[in-house]
Amino acid sequence: MKKFLKKGTAILVAGAATLGVMSMPTAAHAEGERYVFISHAPDSDSWWNVIKNAVKQAASDMNVTVEYRNPPTGDLADMARIVEQAVATNPDGIVLSIADFDTLEGPLERASKKGIPFITMNSGTLEQSKALGALLHVGQPEFAAGFGAGQRAKKQGVKSFLCVNHYITNPASVERCMGFAKGLGVELGNQMIDAGSDPTNVETKVSAYLRKNPNTEAILTLGPTSAHPTLRALEKNRNIKNIYFGTFDLSGQISAAIKDGKINFAIDQQPYLQGYLPISFLTLYTRYGLIPSNDVNSGPGFITKDNIELVEKYAGEFR
């Protein structure tokens, strides 16, 4: 009976990861496995603190060791080197964001050849995750999230917008802007700017765009890195009440702006799940060969003035 169950479990996993399927563990491991969690986020991106909190909690709950690593400046070539270094240490598993498919394909192919299981999270598509050979993906469909945001704005009569992209080298960020344009039923065109991640530069570029395009009706920012300086730019220009403002992700400042009516909505991709679930899933897979048969969509959820009180006390820690 036990042999039959193991065989059936292997078949389920093969169906969940049709490309690059990795071998099943042959025996349950003792507690204390070691995993490496790799993100593309630079040290300056505070939004990832929620994910770090989740990783720490998952490691404690599962009695495993998790090494969190990231490129300090967000350089994707540096991230690829980090993945290569992690693979060389033969961990029990790897979790990583798909910041750029082409950059990570080579290092992850080596992981698959060595039989190191990995789960993708946050950035990237379900198709990319499967093509890389991941067990599954935990994250938010970025184009769909942007599309939903665009549909919301369209109901308010919005026809023109600015998408403030602070991480344009990450394809997922572009998908957010493209989805927003699609939801509005307009072309993206030059309505997306490469703002960079320096707060002063973001503020300056947003102000310059609005001076050049005074009829801009909406702004979409892609997280606190771009939302905070954009708020300052609007407040200094005294036109914040005239702009329909939506953003991805939450922070204490974004929550306060929603309550004050300065931001109309925030898209919550529930980052805590993106940190906690991959470590939990890898542990169950390593020990018992258990893995969900489907990818996990952690978002999108829309936070507005109507429901902000339910989540604001957890912003920066769990939300």
C-alpha atoms as a PDB file:
ATOM      1  CA  MET A   1       0.000   0.000   0.000  1.00  0.00           C
ATOM      2  CA  LYS A   2       2.828   2.409   0.875  1.00  0.00           C
ATOM      3  CA  LYS A   3       4.553   1.690  -2.460  1.00  0.00           C
ATOM      4  CA  PHE A   4       1.324   2.452  -4.298  1.00  0.00           C
ATOM      5  CA  LEU A   5       0.887   5.797  -2.492  1.00  0.00           C
ATOM      6  CA  LYS A   6       4.428   6.882  -3.329  1.00  0.00           C
ATOM      7  CA  LYS A   7       3.875   6.042  -6.980  1.00  0.00           C
ATOM      8  CA  GLY A   8       0.580   7.964  -7.019  1.00  0.00           C
ATOM      9  CA  THR A   9       2.188  11.005  -5.417  1.00  0.00           C
ATOM     10  CA  ALA A  10       4.906  11.028  -8.075  1.00  0.00           C
ATOM     11  CA  ILE A  11       2.260  11.013 -10.812  1.00  0.00           C
ATOM     12  CA  LEU A  12       0.513  14.018  -9.261  1.00  0.00           C
ATOM     13  CA  VAL A  13       3.737  15.994  -9.109  1.00  0.00           C
ATOM     14  CA  ALA A  14       4.491  15.145 -12.731  1.00  0.00           C
ATOM     15  CA  GLY A  15       1.123  16.658 -13.668  1.00  0.00           C
ATOM     16  CA  ALA A  16       1.843  19.815 -11.673  1.00  0.00           C
ATOM     17  CA  ALA A  17       5.229  20.478 -13.317  1.00  0.00           C
ATOM     18  CA  THR A  18       5.036  19.192 -16.862  1.00  0.00           C
ATOM     19  CA  LEU A  19       8.375  20.714 -17.887  1.00  0.00           C
ATOM     20  CA  GLY A  20      11.625  19.984 -16.117  1.00  0.00           C
ATOM     21  CA  VAL A  21      10.144  17.507 -13.622  1.00  0.00           C
ATOM     22  CA  MET A  22      12.495  16.764 -10.731  1.00  0.00           C
ATOM     23  CA  SER A  23      12.879  13.410  -9.050  1.00  0.00           C
ATOM     24  CA  MET A  24      10.928  12.633  -5.913  1.00  0.00           C
ATOM     25  CA  PRO A  25      12.755  12.226  -2.623  1.00  0.00           C
ATOM     26  CA  THR A  26      13.301   8.550  -1.847  1.00  0.00           C
ATOM     27  CA  ALA A  27      12.976   8.831   1.901  1.00  0.00           C
ATOM     28  CA  ALA A  28      11.685  11.224   4.520  1.00  0.00           C
ATOM     29  CA  HIS A  29      14.387  13.556   5.826  1.00  0.00           C
ATOM     30  CA  ALA A  30      15.004  14.485   9.421  1.00  0.00           C
ATOM     31  CA  GLU A  31      14.104  17.990  10.505  1.00  0.00           C
ATOM     32  CA  GLY A  32      16.666  20.734   9.998  1.00  0.00           C
ATOM     33  CA  GLU A  33      16.714  21.027   6.195  1.00  0.00           C
ATOM     34  CA  ARG A  34      18.477  24.018   4.649  1.00  0.00           C
ATOM     35  CA  TYR A  35      16.857  26.199   2.001  1.00  0.00           C
ATOM     36  CA  VAL A  36      18.015  29.320   0.180  1.00  0.00           C
ATOM     37  CA  PHE A  37      15.485  32.090  -0.500  1.00  0.00           C
ATOM     38  CA  ILE A  38      16.630  34.478  -3.258  1.00  0.00           C
ATOM     39  CA  SER A  39      14.862  37.684  -4.245  1.00  0.00           C
ATOM     40  CA  HIS A  40      15.639  40.305  -6.879  1.00  0.00           C
ATOM     41  CA  ALA A  41      14.914  43.171  -4.485  1.00  0.00           C
ATOM     42  CA  PRO A  42      17.613  45.711  -3.626  1.00  0.00           C
ATOM     43  CA  ASP A  43      18.348  46.434   0.023  1.00  0.00           C
ATOM     44  CA  SER A  44      16.475  49.744  -0.289  1.00  0.00           C
ATOM     45  CA  ASP A  45      13.112  48.086  -1.061  1.00  0.00           C
ATOM     46  CA  SER A  46      11.321  48.007   2.308  1.00  0.00           C
ATOM     47  CA  TRP A  47       8.266  46.234   0.859  1.00  0.00           C
ATOM     48  CA  TRP A  48      10.175  42.954   1.038  1.00  0.00           C
ATOM     49  CA  ASN A  49      10.328  43.183   4.843  1.00  0.00           C
ATOM     50  CA  VAL A  50       6.939  41.439   5.007  1.00  0.00           C
ATOM     51  CA  ILE A  51       8.305  38.541   2.969  1.00  0.00           C
ATOM     52  CA  LYS A  52      11.387  38.377   5.202  1.00  0.00           C
ATOM     53  CA  ASN A  53       9.104  38.206   8.252  1.00  0.00           C
ATOM     54  CA  ALA A  54       7.181  35.346   6.659  1.00  0.00           C
ATOM     55  CA  VAL A  55      10.349  33.449   5.743  1.00  0.00           C
ATOM     56  CA  LYS A  56      11.611  33.745   9.308  1.00  0.00           C
ATOM     57  CA  GLN A  57       8.318  32.487  10.720  1.00  0.00           C
ATOM     58  CA  ALA A  58       8.107  29.588   8.271  1.00  0.00           C
ATOM     59  CA  ALA A  59      11.674  28.539   9.135  1.00  0.00           C
ATOM     60  CA  SER A  60      10.758  28.509  12.826  1.00  0.00           C
ATOM     61  CA  ASP A  61       7.468  26.653  12.324  1.00  0.00           C
ATOM     62  CA  MET A  62       9.053  24.016  10.092  1.00  0.00           C
ATOM     63  CA  ASN A  63      12.293  23.721  12.074  1.00  0.00           C
ATOM     64  CA  VAL A  64      14.451  24.406   9.037  1.00  0.00           C
ATOM     65  CA  THR A  65      17.270  26.810   8.183  1.00  0.00           C
ATOM     66  CA  VAL A  66      16.574  29.449   5.525  1.00  0.00           C
ATOM     67  CA  GLU A  67      19.231  31.752   4.085  1.00  0.00           C
ATOM     68  CA  TYR A  68      17.719  34.915   2.601  1.00  0.00           C
ATOM     69  CA  ARG A  69      19.878  36.414  -0.153  1.00  0.00           C
ATOM     70  CA  ASN A  70      19.430  39.277  -2.619  1.00  0.00           C
ATOM     71  CA  PRO A  71      21.510  41.540  -4.876  1.00  0.00           C
ATOM     72  CA  PRO A  72      22.131  44.683  -2.764  1.00  0.00           C
ATOM     73  CA  THR A  73      21.536  47.044  -5.701  1.00  0.00           C
ATOM     74  CA  GLY A  74      18.942  44.911  -7.506  1.00  0.00           C
ATOM     75  CA  ASP A  75      21.389  43.995 -10.277  1.00  0.00           C
ATOM     76  CA  LEU A  76      20.003  40.937 -12.084  1.00  0.00           C
ATOM     77  CA  ALA A  77      23.407  39.626 -13.132  1.00  0.00           C
ATOM     78  CA  ASP A  78      24.326  39.677  -9.446  1.00  0.00           C
ATOM     79  CA  MET A  79      21.139  37.754  -8.674  1.00  0.00           C
ATOM     80  CA  ALA A  80      22.110  35.080 -11.227  1.00  0.00           C
ATOM     81  CA  ARG A  81      25.497  34.733  -9.506  1.00  0.00           C
ATOM     82  CA  ILE A  82      23.738  34.321  -6.165  1.00  0.00           C
ATOM     83  CA  VAL A  83      21.628  31.500  -7.645  1.00  0.00           C
ATOM     84  CA  GLU A  84      24.771  29.827  -9.010  1.00  0.00           C
ATOM     85  CA  GLN A  85      26.443  30.081  -5.594  1.00  0.00           C
ATOM     86  CA  ALA A  86      23.366  28.638  -3.900  1.00  0.00           C
ATOM     87  CA  VAL A  87      23.223  25.690  -6.307  1.00  0.00           C
ATOM     88  CA  ALA A  88      26.910  24.968  -5.636  1.00  0.00           C
ATOM     89  CA  THR A  89      26.197  24.544  -1.901  1.00  0.00           C
ATOM     90  CA  ASN A  90      23.621  21.763  -2.592  1.00  0.00           C
ATOM     91  CA  PRO A  91      20.770  23.029  -0.394  1.00  0.00           C
ATOM     92  CA  ASP A  92      17.647  20.937   0.156  1.00  0.00           C
ATOM     93  CA  GLY A  93      15.731  23.450  -1.947  1.00  0.00           C
ATOM     94  CA  ILE A  94      15.646  26.971  -3.387  1.00  0.00           C
ATOM     95  CA  VAL A  95      12.956  29.655  -3.527  1.00  0.00           C
ATOM     96  CA  LEU A  96      13.398  32.562  -5.921  1.00  0.00           C
ATOM     97  CA  SER A  97      11.625  35.284  -7.875  1.00  0.00           C
ATOM     98  CA  ILE A  98      11.709  35.196 -11.685  1.00  0.00           C
ATOM     99  CA  ALA A  99      13.040  38.707 -12.174  1.00  0.00           C
ATOM    100  CA  ASP A 100      14.293  37.808 -15.662  1.00  0.00           C
ATOM    101  CA  PHE A 101      13.696  34.433 -17.304  1.00  0.00           C
ATOM    102  CA  ASP A 102      16.719  34.485 -19.620  1.00  0.00           C
ATOM    103  CA  THR A 103      19.144  35.494 -16.871  1.00  0.00           C
ATOM    104  CA  LEU A 104      18.031  32.744 -14.502  1.00  0.00           C
ATOM    105  CA  GLU A 105      17.455  29.922 -16.982  1.00  0.00           C
ATOM    106  CA  GLY A 106      21.073  28.690 -16.974  1.00  0.00           C
ATOM    107  CA  PRO A 107      21.607  28.594 -13.183  1.00  0.00           C
ATOM    108  CA  LEU A 108      18.254  26.889 -12.642  1.00  0.00           C
ATOM    109  CA  GLU A 109      18.978  24.283 -15.302  1.00  0.00           C
ATOM    110  CA  ARG A 110      22.031  23.334 -13.233  1.00  0.00           C
ATOM    111  CA  ALA A 111      19.828  23.117 -10.149  1.00  0.00           C
ATOM    112  CA  SER A 112      17.500  20.707 -11.935  1.00  0.00           C
ATOM    113  CA  LYS A 113      20.399  18.535 -13.119  1.00  0.00           C
ATOM    114  CA  LYS A 114      21.619  18.278  -9.524  1.00  0.00           C
ATOM    115  CA  GLY A 115      18.135  17.315  -8.337  1.00  0.00           C
ATOM    116  CA  ILE A 116      17.652  20.447  -6.231  1.00  0.00           C
ATOM    117  CA  PRO A 117      13.922  21.276  -6.068  1.00  0.00           C
ATOM    118  CA  PHE A 118      12.878  24.905  -6.326  1.00  0.00           C
ATOM    119  CA  ILE A 119       9.750  27.018  -6.124  1.00  0.00           C
ATOM    120  CA  THR A 120       9.308  30.386  -7.833  1.00  0.00           C
ATOM    121  CA  MET A 121       7.501  33.307  -6.245  1.00  0.00           C
ATOM    122  CA  ASN A 122       6.502  36.940  -6.725  1.00  0.00           C
ATOM    123  CA  SER A 123       7.770  37.904 -10.203  1.00  0.00           C
ATOM    124  CA  GLY A 124       7.281  35.832 -13.312  1.00  0.00           C
ATOM    125  CA  THR A 125       4.437  33.962 -14.965  1.00  0.00           C
ATOM    126  CA  LEU A 126       3.098  30.478 -14.369  1.00  0.00           C
ATOM    127  CA  GLU A 127       4.324  29.480 -17.833  1.00  0.00           C
ATOM    128  CA  GLN A 128       7.851  30.716 -17.088  1.00  0.00           C
ATOM    129  CA  SER A 129       7.873  28.872 -13.777  1.00  0.00           C
ATOM    130  CA  LYS A 130       6.986  25.588 -15.456  1.00  0.00           C
ATOM    131  CA  ALA A 131       9.473  26.157 -18.276  1.00  0.00           C
ATOM    132  CA  LEU A 132      12.240  26.631 -15.713  1.00  0.00           C
ATOM    133  CA  GLY A 133      11.303  23.350 -14.025  1.00  0.00           C
ATOM    134  CA  ALA A 134       9.885  24.735 -10.770  1.00  0.00           C
ATOM    135  CA  LEU A 135       7.597  22.670  -8.567  1.00  0.00           C
ATOM    136  CA  LEU A 136       5.077  25.526  -8.618  1.00  0.00           C
ATOM    137  CA  HIS A 137       4.715  29.318  -8.484  1.00  0.00           C
ATOM    138  CA  VAL A 138       3.356  31.431  -5.633  1.00  0.00           C
ATOM    139  CA  GLY A 139       2.517  34.954  -6.718  1.00  0.00           C
ATOM    140  CA  GLN A 140       0.215  37.403  -8.392  1.00  0.00           C
ATOM    141  CA  PRO A 141      -0.620  37.313 -12.125  1.00  0.00           C
ATOM    142  CA  GLU A 142       0.762  40.766 -12.865  1.00  0.00           C
ATOM    143  CA  PHE A 143      -0.981  41.532 -16.162  1.00  0.00           C
ATOM    144  CA  ALA A 144      -4.320  40.437 -14.696  1.00  0.00           C
ATOM    145  CA  ALA A 145      -3.762  42.621 -11.632  1.00  0.00           C
ATOM    146  CA  GLY A 146      -2.990  45.642 -13.804  1.00  0.00           C
ATOM    147  CA  PHE A 147      -5.987  44.855 -15.997  1.00  0.00           C
ATOM    148  CA  GLY A 148      -8.301  44.792 -12.975  1.00  0.00           C
ATOM    149  CA  ALA A 149      -6.906  48.125 -11.821  1.00  0.00           C
ATOM    150  CA  GLY A 150      -7.478  49.594 -15.284  1.00  0.00           C
ATOM    151  CA  GLN A 151     -11.085  48.428 -15.288  1.00  0.00           C
ATOM    152  CA  ARG A 152     -11.634  50.169 -11.955  1.00  0.00           C
ATOM    153  CA  ALA A 153     -10.216  53.391 -13.321  1.00  0.00           C
ATOM    154  CA  LYS A 154     -12.257  53.101 -16.514  1.00  0.00           C
ATOM    155  CA  LYS A 155     -15.459  53.080 -14.469  1.00  0.00           C
ATOM    156  CA  GLN A 156     -14.399  56.486 -13.146  1.00  0.00           C
ATOM    157  CA  GLY A 157     -14.040  57.846 -16.669  1.00  0.00           C
ATOM    158  CA  VAL A 158     -10.245  57.705 -16.827  1.00  0.00           C
ATOM    159  CA  LYS A 159      -8.782  57.745 -20.342  1.00  0.00           C
ATOM    160  CA  SER A 160      -5.183  58.910 -19.807  1.00  0.00           C
ATOM    161  CA  PHE A 161      -2.650  57.914 -17.169  1.00  0.00           C
ATOM    162  CA  LEU A 162       0.937  57.769 -16.016  1.00  0.00           C
ATOM    163  CA  CYS A 163       2.484  54.463 -14.925  1.00  0.00           C
ATOM    164  CA  VAL A 164       5.479  55.151 -12.674  1.00  0.00           C
ATOM    165  CA  ASN A 165       7.790  52.161 -13.150  1.00  0.00           C
ATOM    166  CA  HIS A 166      10.613  52.105 -10.606  1.00  0.00           C
ATOM    167  CA  TYR A 167      11.988  48.719 -11.734  1.00  0.00           C
ATOM    168  CA  ILE A 168      11.642  48.695 -15.487  1.00  0.00           C
ATOM    169  CA  THR A 169      14.255  45.946 -15.970  1.00  0.00           C
ATOM    170  CA  ASN A 170      11.833  43.503 -14.333  1.00  0.00           C
ATOM    171  CA  PRO A 171       9.396  42.317 -17.053  1.00  0.00           C
ATOM    172  CA  ALA A 172       6.644  41.811 -14.452  1.00  0.00           C
ATOM    173  CA  SER A 173       6.597  45.537 -13.760  1.00  0.00           C
ATOM    174  CA  VAL A 174       5.963  46.279 -17.433  1.00  0.00           C
ATOM    175  CA  GLU A 175       3.123  43.737 -17.433  1.00  0.00           C
ATOM    176  CA  ARG A 176       1.419  45.732 -14.680  1.00  0.00           C
ATOM    177  CA  CYS A 177       1.489  48.901 -16.782  1.00  0.00           C
ATOM    178  CA  MET A 178       0.397  47.049 -19.924  1.00  0.00           C
ATOM    179  CA  GLY A 179      -2.490  45.427 -18.060  1.00  0.00           C
ATOM    180  CA  PHE A 180      -3.639  48.812 -16.747  1.00  0.00           C
ATOM    181  CA  ALA A 181      -3.686  50.249 -20.273  1.00  0.00           C
ATOM    182  CA  LYS A 182      -5.601  47.203 -21.535  1.00  0.00           C
ATOM    183  CA  GLY A 183      -8.143  47.561 -18.738  1.00  0.00           C
ATOM    184  CA  LEU A 184      -8.693  51.187 -19.750  1.00  0.00           C
ATOM    185  CA  GLY A 185      -8.930  50.199 -23.416  1.00  0.00           C
ATOM    186  CA  VAL A 186      -6.071  52.490 -24.493  1.00  0.00           C
ATOM    187  CA  GLU A 187      -2.535  52.074 -25.804  1.00  0.00           C
ATOM    188  CA  LEU A 188       0.302  52.174 -23.270  1.00  0.00           C
ATOM    189  CA  GLY A 189       2.461  54.295 -25.580  1.00  0.00           C
ATOM    190  CA  ASN A 190       4.642  56.740 -23.652  1.00  0.00           C
ATOM    191  CA  GLN A 191       2.418  56.686 -20.579  1.00  0.00           C
ATOM    192  CA  MET A 192       4.971  54.542 -18.706  1.00  0.00           C
ATOM    193  CA  ILE A 193       8.151  56.192 -17.448  1.00  0.00           C
ATOM    194  CA  ASP A 194      11.382  54.664 -16.212  1.00  0.00           C
ATOM    195  CA  ALA A 195      11.462  56.412 -12.840  1.00  0.00           C
ATOM    196  CA  GLY A 196      14.362  54.551 -11.231  1.00  0.00           C
ATOM    197  CA  SER A 197      14.350  53.774  -7.521  1.00  0.00           C
ATOM    198  CA  ASP A 198      15.950  56.910  -6.079  1.00  0.00           C
ATOM    199  CA  PRO A 199      13.127  58.812  -4.292  1.00  0.00           C
ATOM    200  CA  THR A 200      14.308  62.252  -5.390  1.00  0.00           C
ATOM    201  CA  ASN A 201      14.568  61.171  -9.019  1.00  0.00           C
ATOM    202  CA  VAL A 202      11.122  59.564  -8.925  1.00  0.00           C
ATOM    203  CA  GLU A 203       9.577  62.755  -7.563  1.00  0.00           C
ATOM    204  CA  THR A 204      11.377  64.879 -10.158  1.00  0.00           C
ATOM    205  CA  LYS A 205      10.382  62.654 -13.099  1.00  0.00           C
ATOM    206  CA  VAL A 206       6.726  62.485 -12.034  1.00  0.00           C
ATOM    207  CA  SER A 207       6.561  66.271 -11.658  1.00  0.00           C
ATOM    208  CA  ALA A 208       8.180  66.760 -15.058  1.00  0.00           C
ATOM    209  CA  TYR A 209       5.745  64.355 -16.742  1.00  0.00           C
ATOM    210  CA  LEU A 210       2.714  66.094 -15.228  1.00  0.00           C
ATOM    211  CA  ARG A 211       3.978  69.524 -16.300  1.00  0.00           C
ATOM    212  CA  LYS A 212       4.391  68.228 -19.846  1.00  0.00           C
ATOM    213  CA  ASN A 213       1.093  66.306 -19.755  1.00  0.00           C
ATOM    214  CA  PRO A 214      -1.264  68.454 -17.629  1.00  0.00           C
ATOM    215  CA  ASN A 215      -4.361  66.537 -18.720  1.00  0.00           C
ATOM    216  CA  THR A 216      -3.184  63.272 -17.131  1.00  0.00           C
ATOM    217  CA  GLU A 217      -6.207  61.805 -15.345  1.00  0.00           C
ATOM    218  CA  ALA A 218      -4.704  58.898 -13.393  1.00  0.00           C
ATOM    219  CA  ILE A 219      -1.456  57.625 -11.933  1.00  0.00           C
ATOM    220  CA  LEU A 220      -0.483  54.032 -11.255  1.00  0.00           C
ATOM    221  CA  THR A 221       2.583  53.349  -9.124  1.00  0.00           C
ATOM    222  CA  LEU A 222       4.073  49.896  -8.709  1.00  0.00           C
ATOM    223  CA  GLY A 223       4.875  49.878  -4.991  1.00  0.00           C
ATOM    224  CA  PRO A 224       6.016  52.052  -2.076  1.00  0.00           C
ATOM    225  CA  THR A 225       9.313  52.848  -3.823  1.00  0.00           C
ATOM    226  CA  SER A 226       7.438  54.847  -6.451  1.00  0.00           C
ATOM    227  CA  ALA A 227       4.221  55.609  -4.539  1.00  0.00           C
ATOM    228  CA  HIS A 228       5.834  57.598  -1.696  1.00  0.00           C
ATOM    229  CA  PRO A 229       7.743  60.112  -3.863  1.00  0.00           C
ATOM    230  CA  THR A 230       4.786  60.359  -6.264  1.00  0.00           C
ATOM    231  CA  LEU A 231       2.606  61.431  -3.340  1.00  0.00           C
ATOM    232  CA  ARG A 232       5.126  64.153  -2.526  1.00  0.00           C
ATOM    233  CA  ALA A 233       5.174  65.313  -6.140  1.00  0.00           C
ATOM    234  CA  LEU A 234       1.394  65.596  -6.231  1.00  0.00           C
ATOM    235  CA  GLU A 235       1.207  67.379  -2.895  1.00  0.00           C
ATOM    236  CA  LYS A 236       3.782  69.947  -3.997  1.00  0.00           C
ATOM    237  CA  ASN A 237       1.901  70.543  -7.244  1.00  0.00           C
ATOM    238  CA  ARG A 238      -1.365  70.902  -5.316  1.00  0.00           C
ATOM    239  CA  ASN A 239      -3.245  68.739  -7.797  1.00  0.00           C
ATOM    240  CA  ILE A 240      -3.585  65.526  -5.828  1.00  0.00           C
ATOM    241  CA  LYS A 241      -7.386  65.828  -5.654  1.00  0.00           C
ATOM    242  CA  ASN A 242      -7.544  65.980  -9.456  1.00  0.00           C
ATOM    243  CA  ILE A 243      -5.696  62.681  -9.990  1.00  0.00           C
ATOM    244  CA  TYR A 244      -7.166  59.192  -9.768  1.00  0.00           C
ATOM    245  CA  PHE A 245      -4.342  57.434  -7.930  1.00  0.00           C
ATOM    246  CA  GLY A 246      -3.856  53.682  -7.660  1.00  0.00           C
ATOM    247  CA  THR A 247      -0.824  51.720  -6.514  1.00  0.00           C
ATOM    248  CA  PHE A 248       0.463  48.226  -6.081  1.00  0.00           C
ATOM    249  CA  ASP A 249       1.326  47.011  -2.586  1.00  0.00           C
ATOM    250  CA  LEU A 250       0.897  48.446   0.886  1.00  0.00           C
ATOM    251  CA  SER A 251       2.891  50.426   3.427  1.00  0.00           C
ATOM    252  CA  GLY A 252       1.994  52.558   6.427  1.00  0.00           C
ATOM    253  CA  GLN A 253       2.197  55.694   4.285  1.00  0.00           C
ATOM    254  CA  ILE A 254       0.049  54.203   1.535  1.00  0.00           C
ATOM    255  CA  SER A 255      -2.556  53.085   4.084  1.00  0.00           C
ATOM    256  CA  ALA A 256      -2.713  56.606   5.528  1.00  0.00           C
ATOM    257  CA  ALA A 257      -3.084  58.084   2.029  1.00  0.00           C
ATOM    258  CA  ILE A 258      -5.991  55.745   1.291  1.00  0.00           C
ATOM    259  CA  LYS A 259      -7.744  56.845   4.490  1.00  0.00           C
ATOM    260  CA  ASP A 260      -7.156  60.497   3.557  1.00  0.00           C
ATOM    261  CA  GLY A 261      -8.560  59.987   0.076  1.00  0.00           C
ATOM    262  CA  LYS A 262      -5.237  60.727  -1.633  1.00  0.00           C
ATOM    263  CA  ILE A 263      -4.909  57.181  -3.006  1.00  0.00           C
ATOM    264  CA  ASN A 264      -8.009  55.480  -4.397  1.00  0.00           C
ATOM    265  CA  PHE A 265      -6.817  51.887  -4.067  1.00  0.00           C
ATOM    266  CA  ALA A 266      -3.849  49.654  -3.384  1.00  0.00           C
ATOM    267  CA  ILE A 267      -3.430  46.222  -4.938  1.00  0.00           C
ATOM    268  CA  ASP A 268      -2.504  43.729  -2.241  1.00  0.00           C
ATOM    269  CA  GLN A 269      -0.640  40.672  -3.501  1.00  0.00           C
ATOM    270  CA  GLN A 270      -0.377  39.286   0.042  1.00  0.00           C
ATOM    271  CA  PRO A 271       3.415  39.070   0.216  1.00  0.00           C
ATOM    272  CA  TYR A 272       3.341  37.183   3.505  1.00  0.00           C
ATOM    273  CA  LEU A 273       1.970  34.181   1.612  1.00  0.00           C
ATOM    274  CA  GLN A 274       4.781  34.523  -0.950  1.00  0.00           C
ATOM    275  CA  GLY A 275       7.354  34.123   1.811  1.00  0.00           C
ATOM    276  CA  TYR A 276       5.651  31.589   4.050  1.00  0.00           C
ATOM    277  CA  LEU A 277       4.096  29.118   1.612  1.00  0.00           C
ATOM    278  CA  PRO A 278       7.170  28.265  -0.514  1.00  0.00           C
ATOM    279  CA  ILE A 279       9.209  27.295   2.559  1.00  0.00           C
ATOM    280  CA  SER A 280       6.295  25.244   3.901  1.00  0.00           C
ATOM    281  CA  PHE A 281       5.748  23.535   0.544  1.00  0.00           C
ATOM    282  CA  LEU A 282       9.447  22.748   0.073  1.00  0.00           C
ATOM    283  CA  THR A 283       9.639  21.224   3.553  1.00  0.00           C
ATOM    284  CA  LEU A 284       6.635  18.998   2.934  1.00  0.00           C
ATOM    285  CA  TYR A 285       8.061  18.002  -0.433  1.00  0.00           C
ATOM    286  CA  THR A 286      11.536  17.244   0.928  1.00  0.00           C
ATOM    287  CA  ARG A 287      10.226  15.186   3.846  1.00  0.00           C
ATOM    288  CA  TYR A 288       7.164  13.445   2.446  1.00  0.00           C
ATOM    289  CA  GLY A 289       6.971  14.074  -1.312  1.00  0.00           C
ATOM    290  CA  LEU A 290       3.901  16.263  -0.893  1.00  0.00           C
ATOM    291  CA  ILE A 291       3.268  19.251  -3.168  1.00  0.00           C
ATOM    292  CA  PRO A 292       0.064  21.037  -4.300  1.00  0.00           C
ATOM    293  CA  SER A 293      -1.020  20.142  -7.829  1.00  0.00           C
ATOM    294  CA  ASN A 294      -1.712  23.786  -8.699  1.00  0.00           C
ATOM    295  CA  ASP A 295       0.135  27.086  -8.586  1.00  0.00           C
ATOM    296  CA  VAL A 296      -0.969  29.567  -5.909  1.00  0.00           C
ATOM    297  CA  ASN A 297      -2.315  33.012  -6.811  1.00  0.00           C
ATOM    298  CA  SER A 298      -1.598  35.162  -3.758  1.00  0.00           C
ATOM    299  CA  GLY A 299      -3.350  38.198  -5.285  1.00  0.00           C
ATOM    300  CA  PRO A 300      -4.697  40.540  -6.450  1.00  0.00           C
ATOM    301  CA  GLY A 301      -6.897  41.988  -3.751  1.00  0.00           C
ATOM    302  CA  PHE A 302      -8.000  45.624  -3.778  1.00  0.00           C
ATOM    303  CA  ILE A 303      -7.641  47.741  -0.645  1.00  0.00           C
ATOM    304  CA  THR A 304      -9.820  50.864  -0.559  1.00  0.00           C
ATOM    305  CA  LYS A 305     -11.157  53.317   1.987  1.00  0.00           C
ATOM    306  CA  ASP A 306     -13.993  50.868   2.656  1.00  0.00           C
ATOM    307  CA  ASN A 307     -11.774  48.049   3.931  1.00  0.00           C
ATOM    308  CA  ILE A 308      -8.472  49.689   4.859  1.00  0.00           C
ATOM    309  CA  GLU A 309      -9.130  49.421   8.612  1.00  0.00           C
ATOM    310  CA  LEU A 310      -9.135  45.633   8.314  1.00  0.00           C
ATOM    311  CA  VAL A 311      -5.540  45.535   7.107  1.00  0.00           C
ATOM    312  CA  GLU A 312      -3.761  48.758   8.066  1.00  0.00           C
ATOM    313  CA  LYS A 313      -2.678  47.581  11.518  1.00  0.00           C
ATOM    314  CA  TYR A 314      -0.757  44.754   9.860  1.00  0.00           C
ATOM    315  CA  ALA A 315       0.894  46.874   7.144  1.00  0.00           C
ATOM    316  CA  GLY A 316       4.634  46.349   6.999  1.00  0.00           C
ATOM    317  CA  GLU A 317       4.473  43.173   9.092  1.00  0.00           C
ATOM    318  CA  PHE A 318       1.909  40.794   7.615  1.00  0.00           C
ATOM    319  CA  ARG A 319       0.311  42.866   4.804  1.00  0.00           C
END
